[in-house]
Amino acid sequence: MPNRPKIVALLGLLGLLGWFTVGAYLWLAIEELGLPDIVLRYFLASGILAGAIGTPVTWWLAKPYADVHVDPTPAAIRDALRFPARMFALTLWLWLVPCLVFPIMSVTIRPEYLDANVQVVVAGVTAAFISGIVSYYACLRIVRNQVAPALLPEGRLDHLEPFRPGKMWQHTFLLVLLLGVIAPATIATLAWTGNATAPLITYLSFDYFLVGLFVGWEVTAAISGPVGHLQERMDKVAGGDLDQKATIFGGDSMGILSSRFNSMVEGLRQREVIRETFGRYVTQQVADEILAGRVELGGERRNATVLFADIRGFTRMSEGLPPEEVVAFLNDYLGHMVGCVLDNGGVLDKFIGDAVMALFGVPVSRGAEADARAALQCALEMSQRLDDLNAERAAQGKAAIDIGIGVHSGELIAGNIGAPQRMEYTVVGDTVNVCSRIEGLTKRLGKRILLSDATAELAGEHFRLQELDTLPVKGRQRPVRLFTLLAS
């Protein structure tokens, strides 16, 4: 990060270089055309005066580079980014004023200095635009390579508002202005006034040629560098790497574009976090459907299959265990059970203590039959994983646990339920209540898995079922035919 004295010293050296370049041209003009020495003396005095004025003004304009080292406020950062344009304007002013004052003075005092007037104007205009553009791109390179990346490490320009960015077309405008307007205009002026000797035209053309190469190089660097950097970051994001951040190289259109890119990637990262978090409760396919806006979140009637799974005697078991062991056990057990739900395309609706409530068919359905079969397959896998878990517990000298699983299919209401401050996507209705009651009958009938006749009809012949009994269910007038699911 450059400091204030270095900035002023660099611009002073560039101004001195421009002064020697134009001074050499005027010396050549004096030799070629026999101009009076007053031209060179005036130029020397003008250079000293411009330096005396320009140095403190440049020091004042470079104040943001002192401020940002102490307290990089948004205002100081904005001024630091705008410094190249301000130096361009200052350099033009310091060169154009002297080159116009001399002709005005000489016309009124010494009309015979017409040729000298022409040379002073040509030299002054040449120096103004060459020195101004060189100073502009020298400062811009400092901003691009050191200032902007250091002051904008987060890659954002939002906090600098209100901020007026530089336009990319300004680079082309400056190049065209220098080589397409100023260069031919000064050479044409020499030819029209009869001051165009071969050495003068050659010297002037060579100056424009060298500066044109410099400006062309800097224009390419100012555009292609940030564009290439941004394209590289975009390619990595397209490949799935969301840890990318584009560096902001200046306060121009490319800086705004890089800032917007970083905001977009941040949004993608947040979306990915939401997707991953959501994916812990629903399948990735369901999460994608909801996040893509293809799922209606308002209450609607749906046909689905509900599954309840509850640990038998959990309250009594947990009484004799420290709270830490209870939590560890639940996390281990629920990890196995939830895995079965997600593996079969179900949605984890909620945990109710040690109970699991899962949905098949909402918010995305694969068809009533497929949803019912997925729920029954989930129940079988839960039972198998419980056997594996009990084998592990037996090896550790721990008691076996058992669960009851109830499955029921039917119509329910799916949608957002809750208060305006906190909404939850869930299901309600008779189907949910009946499923809970069916799970509660597993202990009475001595079966781990019970399902209703509604689910049995949807499952068809894809599973081995055994009809058990027709029993009344609390809260429902009609009894329910109950089946158990046999291992295949």
Protein backbone atom coordinates (compact mmCIF):
# COMPACT_ATOMS: atom_id res chain seq x y z
CA MET A 1 0.00 0.00 0.00
CA PRO A 2 1.78 3.21 -1.14
CA ASN A 3 1.99 6.21 1.18
CA ARG A 4 1.49 9.86 0.44
CA PRO A 5 5.16 10.91 -0.05
CA LYS A 6 5.80 8.07 -2.52
CA ILE A 7 2.78 9.04 -4.60
CA VAL A 8 3.84 12.69 -4.75
CA ALA A 9 7.46 11.76 -5.53
CA LEU A 10 6.42 9.47 -8.38
CA LEU A 11 4.19 12.11 -9.94
CA GLY A 12 6.93 14.68 -9.50
CA LEU A 13 9.36 12.48 -11.44
CA LEU A 14 6.80 11.96 -14.20
CA GLY A 15 6.22 15.72 -14.39
CA LEU A 16 9.97 16.32 -14.57
CA LEU A 17 10.29 13.74 -17.34
CA GLY A 18 7.52 15.47 -19.31
CA TRP A 19 9.20 18.84 -18.71
CA PHE A 20 12.54 17.61 -20.11
CA THR A 21 10.80 15.99 -23.09
CA VAL A 22 8.95 19.16 -24.09
CA GLY A 23 11.94 21.33 -23.23
CA ALA A 24 14.03 19.31 -25.68
CA TYR A 25 11.36 19.87 -28.33
CA LEU A 26 11.39 23.66 -27.77
CA TRP A 27 15.19 23.72 -27.88
CA LEU A 28 15.02 21.88 -31.20
CA ALA A 29 12.41 24.37 -32.45
CA ILE A 30 14.66 27.28 -31.51
CA GLU A 31 17.54 25.70 -33.42
CA GLU A 32 15.42 24.82 -36.46
CA LEU A 33 13.38 28.02 -36.74
CA GLY A 34 15.62 30.56 -35.10
CA LEU A 35 13.10 31.42 -32.41
CA PRO A 36 14.04 33.88 -29.67
CA ASP A 37 15.51 32.46 -26.48
CA ILE A 38 12.62 34.00 -24.55
CA VAL A 39 10.58 30.92 -25.46
CA LEU A 40 12.94 28.64 -23.58
CA ARG A 41 13.22 31.08 -20.68
CA TYR A 42 9.44 31.33 -20.49
CA PHE A 43 9.16 27.56 -20.58
CA LEU A 44 11.72 27.23 -17.79
CA ALA A 45 9.89 29.78 -15.64
CA SER A 46 6.55 28.12 -16.38
CA GLY A 47 7.94 24.74 -15.37
CA ILE A 48 9.23 26.08 -12.08
CA LEU A 49 5.91 27.80 -11.38
CA ALA A 50 3.93 24.68 -12.30
CA GLY A 51 6.10 22.62 -9.98
CA ALA A 52 5.64 25.14 -7.18
CA ILE A 53 1.86 24.99 -7.62
CA GLY A 54 1.53 21.33 -8.55
CA THR A 55 3.52 19.86 -5.68
CA PRO A 56 1.34 21.17 -2.81
CA VAL A 57 -1.83 20.55 -4.83
CA THR A 58 -0.72 16.96 -5.49
CA TRP A 59 0.11 16.60 -1.79
CA TRP A 60 -3.40 17.78 -0.97
CA LEU A 61 -5.01 15.48 -3.54
CA ALA A 62 -3.00 12.55 -2.16
CA LYS A 63 -4.49 13.05 1.31
CA PRO A 64 -6.67 9.89 0.95
CA TYR A 65 -3.46 7.83 0.90
CA ALA A 66 -2.62 9.22 4.31
CA ASP A 67 -6.16 8.69 5.61
CA VAL A 68 -6.51 5.07 4.53
CA HIS A 69 -3.38 4.13 6.45
CA VAL A 70 -4.99 5.45 9.62
CA ASP A 71 -8.74 5.08 9.20
CA PRO A 72 -9.91 3.68 5.83
CA THR A 73 -13.38 5.23 5.88
CA PRO A 74 -15.62 4.79 2.83
CA ALA A 75 -15.04 8.43 1.90
CA ALA A 76 -11.25 8.03 2.03
CA ILE A 77 -11.42 4.82 -0.03
CA ARG A 78 -13.60 6.53 -2.63
CA ASP A 79 -11.12 9.40 -2.89
CA ALA A 80 -8.17 6.99 -3.17
CA LEU A 81 -9.85 5.18 -6.06
CA ARG A 82 -10.65 8.48 -7.80
CA PHE A 83 -7.09 9.78 -7.48
CA PRO A 84 -5.97 8.90 -11.06
CA ALA A 85 -8.76 10.97 -12.63
CA ARG A 86 -8.01 13.92 -10.36
CA MET A 87 -4.32 13.81 -11.25
CA PHE A 88 -5.21 13.75 -14.94
CA ALA A 89 -7.27 16.92 -14.52
CA LEU A 90 -4.53 18.62 -12.44
CA THR A 91 -1.81 17.79 -14.98
CA LEU A 92 -3.87 19.18 -17.86
CA TRP A 93 -4.45 22.38 -15.95
CA LEU A 94 -0.77 22.84 -15.01
CA TRP A 95 0.34 22.48 -18.65
CA LEU A 96 -2.48 24.13 -20.59
CA VAL A 97 -2.59 27.36 -18.57
CA PRO A 98 1.07 28.36 -19.21
CA CYS A 99 0.91 27.42 -22.92
CA LEU A 100 -2.13 29.69 -23.35
CA VAL A 101 -0.85 32.56 -21.20
CA PHE A 102 2.29 33.04 -23.32
CA PRO A 103 0.46 33.54 -26.66
CA ILE A 104 -2.02 35.93 -25.07
CA MET A 105 0.76 37.98 -23.53
CA SER A 106 2.99 37.94 -26.62
CA VAL A 107 0.19 38.94 -29.01
CA THR A 108 -0.43 42.08 -27.00
CA ILE A 109 3.23 42.86 -26.28
CA ARG A 110 5.34 41.34 -29.07
CA PRO A 111 3.24 40.45 -32.15
CA GLU A 112 6.40 39.31 -33.98
CA TYR A 113 6.48 36.20 -31.77
CA LEU A 114 3.86 34.42 -33.90
CA ASP A 115 6.08 31.41 -34.67
CA ALA A 116 7.05 31.17 -31.02
CA ASN A 117 3.38 31.24 -30.07
CA VAL A 118 2.66 28.31 -32.34
CA GLN A 119 5.50 26.25 -30.87
CA VAL A 120 4.54 27.05 -27.31
CA VAL A 121 0.91 26.05 -27.95
CA VAL A 122 1.90 22.84 -29.76
CA ALA A 123 4.44 21.96 -27.07
CA GLY A 124 2.04 22.83 -24.26
CA VAL A 125 -0.88 20.84 -25.65
CA THR A 126 1.41 17.90 -26.37
CA ALA A 127 2.88 18.03 -22.87
CA ALA A 128 -0.55 18.45 -21.26
CA PHE A 129 -2.11 15.37 -22.78
CA ILE A 130 0.98 13.18 -22.81
CA SER A 131 1.88 14.01 -19.20
CA GLY A 132 -1.76 13.86 -18.10
CA ILE A 133 -2.42 10.46 -19.64
CA VAL A 134 0.90 9.02 -18.45
CA SER A 135 0.19 10.27 -14.91
CA TYR A 136 -3.33 8.86 -15.10
CA TYR A 137 -2.18 5.37 -16.06
CA ALA A 138 0.74 5.40 -13.64
CA CYS A 139 -1.69 6.16 -10.80
CA LEU A 140 -4.19 3.66 -12.18
CA ARG A 141 -1.54 0.93 -12.12
CA ILE A 142 -0.82 1.73 -8.48
CA VAL A 143 -4.53 1.59 -7.69
CA ARG A 144 -4.95 -1.66 -9.59
CA ASN A 145 -1.94 -3.48 -8.16
CA GLN A 146 -1.77 -2.16 -4.60
CA VAL A 147 -4.50 0.21 -3.49
CA ALA A 148 -7.81 -1.43 -4.44
CA PRO A 149 -6.87 -5.01 -3.38
CA ALA A 150 -5.60 -3.68 -0.03
CA LEU A 151 -8.56 -1.39 0.68
CA LEU A 152 -11.24 -3.80 -0.58
CA PRO A 153 -10.15 -7.20 0.79
CA GLU A 154 -13.76 -8.39 0.99
CA GLY A 155 -14.18 -7.81 -2.73
CA ARG A 156 -17.20 -5.53 -2.33
CA LEU A 157 -17.99 -1.94 -3.29
CA ASP A 158 -21.43 -1.81 -1.66
CA HIS A 159 -20.21 0.04 1.44
CA LEU A 160 -18.78 2.85 -0.70
CA GLU A 161 -22.16 4.06 -1.90
CA PRO A 162 -22.79 6.61 -3.24
CA PHE A 163 -20.02 5.74 -5.68
CA ARG A 164 -19.67 6.76 -9.31
CA PRO A 165 -17.52 4.19 -11.11
CA GLY A 166 -15.28 4.99 -14.05
CA LYS A 167 -16.49 3.73 -17.40
CA MET A 168 -14.53 1.22 -19.45
CA TRP A 169 -14.99 3.26 -22.61
CA GLN A 170 -12.85 6.01 -21.06
CA HIS A 171 -9.73 3.94 -21.79
CA THR A 172 -10.55 3.83 -25.49
CA PHE A 173 -11.53 7.49 -25.42
CA LEU A 174 -8.15 8.53 -24.00
CA LEU A 175 -6.23 6.48 -26.55
CA VAL A 176 -8.27 7.85 -29.45
CA LEU A 177 -8.00 11.39 -28.06
CA LEU A 178 -4.22 11.17 -27.85
CA LEU A 179 -3.43 9.43 -31.14
CA GLY A 180 -6.49 10.24 -33.20
CA VAL A 181 -7.07 13.88 -32.25
CA ILE A 182 -4.19 15.57 -30.39
CA ALA A 183 -1.31 14.01 -32.38
CA PRO A 184 -2.65 14.80 -35.89
CA ALA A 185 -3.96 18.20 -34.72
CA THR A 186 -0.56 19.36 -33.44
CA ILE A 187 1.28 18.09 -36.51
CA ALA A 188 -1.33 19.68 -38.80
CA THR A 189 -0.96 22.97 -36.91
CA LEU A 190 2.79 22.95 -37.52
CA ALA A 191 2.27 22.25 -41.21
CA TRP A 192 -0.46 24.90 -41.61
CA THR A 193 1.63 27.65 -39.96
CA GLY A 194 4.81 26.73 -41.85
CA ASN A 195 6.65 25.50 -38.75
CA ALA A 196 6.80 21.84 -39.80
CA THR A 197 10.45 20.96 -40.27
CA ALA A 198 11.44 17.32 -40.65
CA PRO A 199 13.30 17.09 -37.29
CA LEU A 200 10.35 18.65 -35.42
CA ILE A 201 7.79 16.35 -37.04
CA THR A 202 10.02 13.33 -36.42
CA TYR A 203 10.61 14.24 -32.78
CA LEU A 204 6.92 14.93 -32.15
CA SER A 205 5.79 11.75 -33.93
CA PHE A 206 8.31 9.67 -32.00
CA ASP A 207 7.02 11.09 -28.71
CA TYR A 208 3.45 10.24 -29.62
CA PHE A 209 4.53 6.81 -30.81
CA LEU A 210 6.23 5.94 -27.52
CA VAL A 211 3.41 7.31 -25.41
CA GLY A 212 0.89 5.54 -27.65
CA LEU A 213 2.66 2.23 -26.97
CA PHE A 214 2.61 2.93 -23.24
CA VAL A 215 -1.07 3.89 -23.24
CA GLY A 216 -1.99 0.88 -25.41
CA TRP A 217 -0.15 -1.39 -23.00
CA GLU A 218 -1.87 0.15 -19.99
CA VAL A 219 -5.31 0.04 -21.62
CA THR A 220 -4.79 -3.65 -22.32
CA ALA A 221 -3.63 -4.26 -18.75
CA ALA A 222 -6.53 -2.24 -17.30
CA ILE A 223 -9.09 -4.31 -19.23
CA SER A 224 -7.64 -7.73 -19.99
CA GLY A 225 -6.09 -8.25 -16.54
CA PRO A 226 -9.30 -7.86 -14.50
CA VAL A 227 -11.36 -9.62 -17.20
CA GLY A 228 -9.00 -12.60 -17.25
CA HIS A 229 -8.96 -12.75 -13.46
CA LEU A 230 -12.76 -12.64 -13.31
CA GLN A 231 -13.12 -15.28 -16.02
CA GLU A 232 -10.77 -17.60 -14.12
CA ARG A 233 -12.88 -17.22 -10.99
CA MET A 234 -16.09 -17.77 -12.94
CA ASP A 235 -14.72 -20.98 -14.46
CA LYS A 236 -13.92 -22.30 -11.00
CA VAL A 237 -17.38 -21.41 -9.71
CA ALA A 238 -18.91 -23.12 -12.74
CA GLY A 239 -16.91 -26.18 -11.74
CA GLY A 240 -18.56 -26.16 -8.33
CA ASP A 241 -15.91 -24.32 -6.29
CA LEU A 242 -17.87 -21.70 -4.34
CA ASP A 243 -14.91 -20.59 -2.24
CA GLN A 244 -13.83 -18.18 -4.97
CA LYS A 245 -13.62 -14.40 -4.61
CA ALA A 246 -12.76 -11.95 -7.36
CA THR A 247 -10.24 -9.26 -6.49
CA ILE A 248 -11.38 -5.70 -7.14
CA PHE A 249 -8.69 -3.80 -9.05
CA GLY A 250 -10.31 -0.39 -9.21
CA GLY A 251 -13.40 1.75 -9.00
CA ASP A 252 -14.46 1.24 -12.62
CA SER A 253 -17.04 -0.91 -14.36
CA MET A 254 -14.87 -3.99 -13.90
CA GLY A 255 -14.70 -3.27 -10.19
CA ILE A 256 -18.49 -3.07 -10.05
CA LEU A 257 -18.75 -6.30 -12.05
CA SER A 258 -16.31 -8.06 -9.71
CA SER A 259 -18.27 -6.78 -6.70
CA ARG A 260 -21.52 -8.11 -8.17
CA PHE A 261 -19.81 -11.42 -8.92
CA ASN A 262 -18.70 -11.76 -5.31
CA SER A 263 -22.21 -10.95 -4.11
CA MET A 264 -23.58 -13.61 -6.44
CA VAL A 265 -21.09 -16.23 -5.22
CA GLU A 266 -21.91 -15.34 -1.62
CA GLY A 267 -25.57 -15.90 -2.43
CA LEU A 268 -24.72 -19.25 -3.99
CA ARG A 269 -22.75 -20.21 -0.89
CA GLN A 270 -25.70 -19.30 1.34
CA ARG A 271 -28.02 -21.24 -0.94
CA GLU A 272 -25.69 -24.23 -0.74
CA VAL A 273 -25.66 -24.01 3.06
CA ILE A 274 -29.45 -23.92 3.02
CA ARG A 275 -29.53 -26.85 0.62
CA GLU A 276 -27.12 -28.88 2.76
CA THR A 277 -28.98 -28.01 5.96
CA PHE A 278 -32.33 -28.74 4.34
CA GLY A 279 -30.87 -31.96 2.98
CA ARG A 280 -30.43 -33.21 6.52
CA TYR A 281 -34.21 -33.32 6.83
CA VAL A 282 -35.34 -34.16 3.31
CA THR A 283 -33.80 -35.86 0.32
CA GLN A 284 -31.66 -33.77 -1.99
CA GLN A 285 -34.26 -34.17 -4.70
CA VAL A 286 -36.99 -32.73 -2.48
CA ALA A 287 -34.71 -29.93 -1.31
CA ASP A 288 -33.95 -29.01 -4.92
CA GLU A 289 -37.67 -28.96 -5.75
CA ILE A 290 -38.51 -26.67 -2.83
CA LEU A 291 -35.56 -24.31 -3.35
CA ALA A 292 -36.36 -24.08 -7.05
CA GLY A 293 -39.84 -22.83 -6.17
CA ARG A 294 -41.64 -25.76 -7.74
CA VAL A 295 -43.37 -26.74 -4.49
CA GLU A 296 -46.46 -24.95 -3.23
CA LEU A 297 -45.92 -24.08 0.41
CA GLY A 298 -49.51 -23.15 1.07
CA GLY A 299 -51.88 -25.62 2.72
CA GLU A 300 -53.22 -28.18 0.25
CA ARG A 301 -54.92 -31.56 0.31
CA ARG A 302 -52.54 -34.37 -0.56
CA ASN A 303 -52.51 -38.15 -0.49
CA ALA A 304 -49.43 -39.43 1.28
CA THR A 305 -48.06 -42.13 3.55
CA VAL A 306 -47.04 -41.33 7.12
CA LEU A 307 -44.59 -43.33 9.27
CA PHE A 308 -44.18 -43.13 13.04
CA ALA A 309 -41.31 -44.90 14.84
CA ASP A 310 -40.99 -44.80 18.65
CA ILE A 311 -38.70 -46.47 21.18
CA ARG A 312 -40.53 -48.70 23.62
CA GLY A 313 -39.85 -48.01 27.29
CA PHE A 314 -37.55 -45.10 26.54
CA THR A 315 -38.70 -43.08 29.56
CA ARG A 316 -37.88 -45.91 31.96
CA MET A 317 -34.56 -46.60 30.23
CA SER A 318 -33.46 -42.96 30.33
CA GLU A 319 -34.21 -42.62 34.05
CA GLY A 320 -31.17 -44.69 34.97
CA LEU A 321 -28.72 -43.00 32.58
CA PRO A 322 -26.80 -39.74 32.85
CA PRO A 323 -28.13 -37.04 30.50
CA GLU A 324 -24.94 -37.18 28.41
CA GLU A 325 -25.43 -40.90 27.71
CA VAL A 326 -29.08 -40.36 26.84
CA VAL A 327 -28.16 -37.69 24.28
CA ALA A 328 -25.36 -39.83 22.84
CA PHE A 329 -27.69 -42.81 22.54
CA LEU A 330 -30.42 -40.77 20.87
CA ASN A 331 -28.01 -39.27 18.39
CA ASP A 332 -26.71 -42.71 17.47
CA TYR A 333 -30.16 -44.26 17.23
CA LEU A 334 -31.78 -41.39 15.36
CA GLY A 335 -28.84 -41.27 12.94
CA HIS A 336 -29.63 -44.83 11.90
CA MET A 337 -33.37 -44.22 11.63
CA VAL A 338 -33.15 -40.93 9.75
CA GLY A 339 -30.74 -42.52 7.29
CA CYS A 340 -33.43 -45.06 6.42
CA VAL A 341 -35.96 -42.29 5.79
CA LEU A 342 -33.71 -40.27 3.52
CA ASP A 343 -32.38 -43.30 1.67
CA ASN A 344 -35.92 -44.15 0.64
CA GLY A 345 -36.90 -40.66 -0.49
CA GLY A 346 -38.86 -39.72 2.58
CA VAL A 347 -39.06 -36.40 4.41
CA LEU A 348 -38.20 -36.16 8.10
CA ASP A 349 -41.11 -34.13 9.41
CA LYS A 350 -40.04 -33.89 13.04
CA PHE A 351 -38.61 -35.54 16.13
CA ILE A 352 -41.07 -35.98 18.97
CA GLY A 353 -38.79 -36.82 21.85
CA ASP A 354 -37.43 -40.23 20.86
CA ALA A 355 -40.07 -40.67 18.14
CA VAL A 356 -39.56 -40.08 14.43
CA MET A 357 -42.30 -38.84 12.11
CA ALA A 358 -41.58 -39.30 8.41
CA LEU A 359 -43.59 -38.47 5.30
CA PHE A 360 -43.66 -40.12 1.90
CA GLY A 361 -45.48 -38.26 -0.86
CA VAL A 362 -45.14 -34.66 0.34
CA PRO A 363 -44.03 -32.20 -0.72
CA VAL A 364 -43.05 -34.23 -3.82
CA SER A 365 -44.88 -37.41 -4.73
CA ARG A 366 -43.74 -40.24 -6.96
CA GLY A 367 -47.24 -41.68 -7.00
CA ALA A 368 -49.36 -43.08 -4.15
CA GLU A 369 -48.23 -46.68 -4.70
CA ALA A 370 -44.55 -45.76 -4.94
CA ASP A 371 -44.81 -43.60 -1.81
CA ALA A 372 -46.40 -46.43 0.18
CA ARG A 373 -43.79 -48.94 -0.99
CA ALA A 374 -41.00 -46.49 -0.05
CA ALA A 375 -42.48 -46.15 3.46
CA LEU A 376 -42.67 -49.93 3.93
CA GLN A 377 -39.14 -50.39 2.64
CA CYS A 378 -38.05 -47.72 5.12
CA ALA A 379 -39.79 -49.63 7.94
CA LEU A 380 -37.98 -52.85 6.98
CA GLU A 381 -34.62 -51.11 6.92
CA MET A 382 -35.32 -49.47 10.28
CA SER A 383 -35.99 -52.88 11.75
CA GLN A 384 -32.80 -54.30 10.26
CA ARG A 385 -30.68 -51.40 11.46
CA LEU A 386 -32.19 -51.76 14.92
CA ASP A 387 -31.09 -55.42 14.98
CA ASP A 388 -27.57 -54.34 13.98
CA LEU A 389 -27.59 -51.65 16.67
CA ASN A 390 -28.73 -54.16 19.30
CA ALA A 391 -25.91 -56.50 18.28
CA GLU A 392 -23.43 -53.68 18.91
CA ARG A 393 -25.06 -52.89 22.24
CA ALA A 394 -24.93 -56.56 23.27
CA ALA A 395 -21.19 -56.64 22.52
CA GLN A 396 -20.82 -53.62 24.82
CA GLY A 397 -22.83 -55.26 27.58
CA LYS A 398 -25.82 -52.99 27.09
CA ALA A 399 -29.50 -53.96 27.03
CA ALA A 400 -31.33 -54.35 23.75
CA ILE A 401 -34.00 -51.83 22.74
CA ASP A 402 -37.13 -52.26 20.70
CA ILE A 403 -39.25 -49.90 18.65
CA GLY A 404 -42.72 -49.71 17.26
CA ILE A 405 -43.32 -48.59 13.70
CA GLY A 406 -46.73 -47.55 12.42
CA VAL A 407 -47.51 -46.83 8.74
CA HIS A 408 -50.75 -45.40 7.33
CA SER A 409 -51.77 -43.84 4.01
CA GLY A 410 -54.52 -41.38 3.25
CA GLU A 411 -55.53 -37.79 2.69
CA LEU A 412 -53.97 -35.03 4.77
CA ILE A 413 -53.30 -31.30 4.74
CA ALA A 414 -49.73 -30.32 3.91
CA GLY A 415 -48.46 -26.77 4.25
CA ASN A 416 -46.97 -24.05 6.40
CA ILE A 417 -48.32 -24.10 9.93
CA GLY A 418 -47.41 -21.77 12.77
CA ALA A 419 -47.23 -18.06 13.55
CA PRO A 420 -46.09 -15.33 11.14
CA GLN A 421 -42.78 -15.17 13.03
CA ARG A 422 -42.10 -18.92 12.82
CA MET A 423 -43.54 -21.25 10.20
CA GLU A 424 -43.05 -25.00 9.84
CA TYR A 425 -43.79 -27.17 6.84
CA THR A 426 -45.72 -30.15 8.18
CA VAL A 427 -48.88 -32.22 7.75
CA VAL A 428 -52.05 -32.49 9.81
CA GLY A 429 -55.24 -34.47 9.58
CA ASP A 430 -56.90 -37.75 10.40
CA THR A 431 -54.26 -39.75 8.54
CA VAL A 432 -51.54 -38.46 10.84
CA ASN A 433 -53.56 -39.17 13.98
CA VAL A 434 -54.45 -42.69 12.88
CA CYS A 435 -50.82 -43.48 12.05
CA SER A 436 -49.79 -42.40 15.54
CA ARG A 437 -52.47 -44.64 17.06
CA ILE A 438 -51.36 -47.59 14.90
CA GLU A 439 -47.80 -47.19 16.16
CA GLY A 440 -49.17 -47.23 19.70
CA LEU A 441 -50.76 -50.67 19.05
CA THR A 442 -47.46 -52.35 18.18
CA LYS A 443 -46.72 -53.22 21.80
CA ARG A 444 -50.24 -54.58 22.40
CA LEU A 445 -50.03 -56.87 19.36
CA GLY A 446 -46.38 -57.76 19.95
CA LYS A 447 -45.26 -56.67 16.49
CA ARG A 448 -42.51 -54.23 15.57
CA ILE A 449 -44.20 -53.01 12.37
CA LEU A 450 -47.92 -52.37 11.85
CA LEU A 451 -49.61 -50.91 8.78
CA SER A 452 -53.16 -50.11 7.85
CA ASP A 453 -55.24 -51.75 5.14
CA ALA A 454 -54.98 -48.48 3.15
CA THR A 455 -51.19 -48.84 2.96
CA ALA A 456 -51.45 -52.58 2.34
CA GLU A 457 -53.66 -52.00 -0.71
CA LEU A 458 -51.24 -49.46 -2.16
CA ALA A 459 -48.23 -51.72 -1.54
CA GLY A 460 -49.78 -54.53 -3.60
CA GLU A 461 -47.76 -57.71 -3.77
CA HIS A 462 -44.35 -56.13 -3.43
CA PHE A 463 -44.12 -57.10 0.27
CA ARG A 464 -44.98 -60.08 2.42
CA LEU A 465 -47.87 -58.99 4.64
CA GLN A 466 -49.78 -60.78 7.35
CA GLU A 467 -53.21 -59.63 8.43
CA LEU A 468 -53.53 -59.51 12.19
CA ASP A 469 -56.79 -58.06 13.39
CA THR A 470 -59.35 -55.30 12.98
CA LEU A 471 -59.18 -53.02 15.96
CA PRO A 472 -60.78 -49.76 16.99
CA VAL A 473 -58.49 -46.73 16.98
CA LYS A 474 -58.83 -43.98 19.54
CA GLY A 475 -60.50 -40.92 18.07
CA ARG A 476 -61.96 -42.78 15.10
CA GLN A 477 -65.37 -44.42 14.79
CA ARG A 478 -64.47 -47.09 12.25
CA PRO A 479 -61.98 -49.81 13.23
CA VAL A 480 -58.84 -50.32 11.18
CA ARG A 481 -57.63 -53.56 9.62
CA LEU A 482 -54.04 -54.03 10.68
CA PHE A 483 -51.23 -55.87 8.97
CA THR A 484 -47.63 -56.63 9.90
CA LEU A 485 -44.71 -56.60 7.56
CA LEU A 486 -42.67 -59.77 7.27
CA ALA A 487 -39.05 -59.87 6.28
CA SER A 488 -38.57 -61.02 2.69
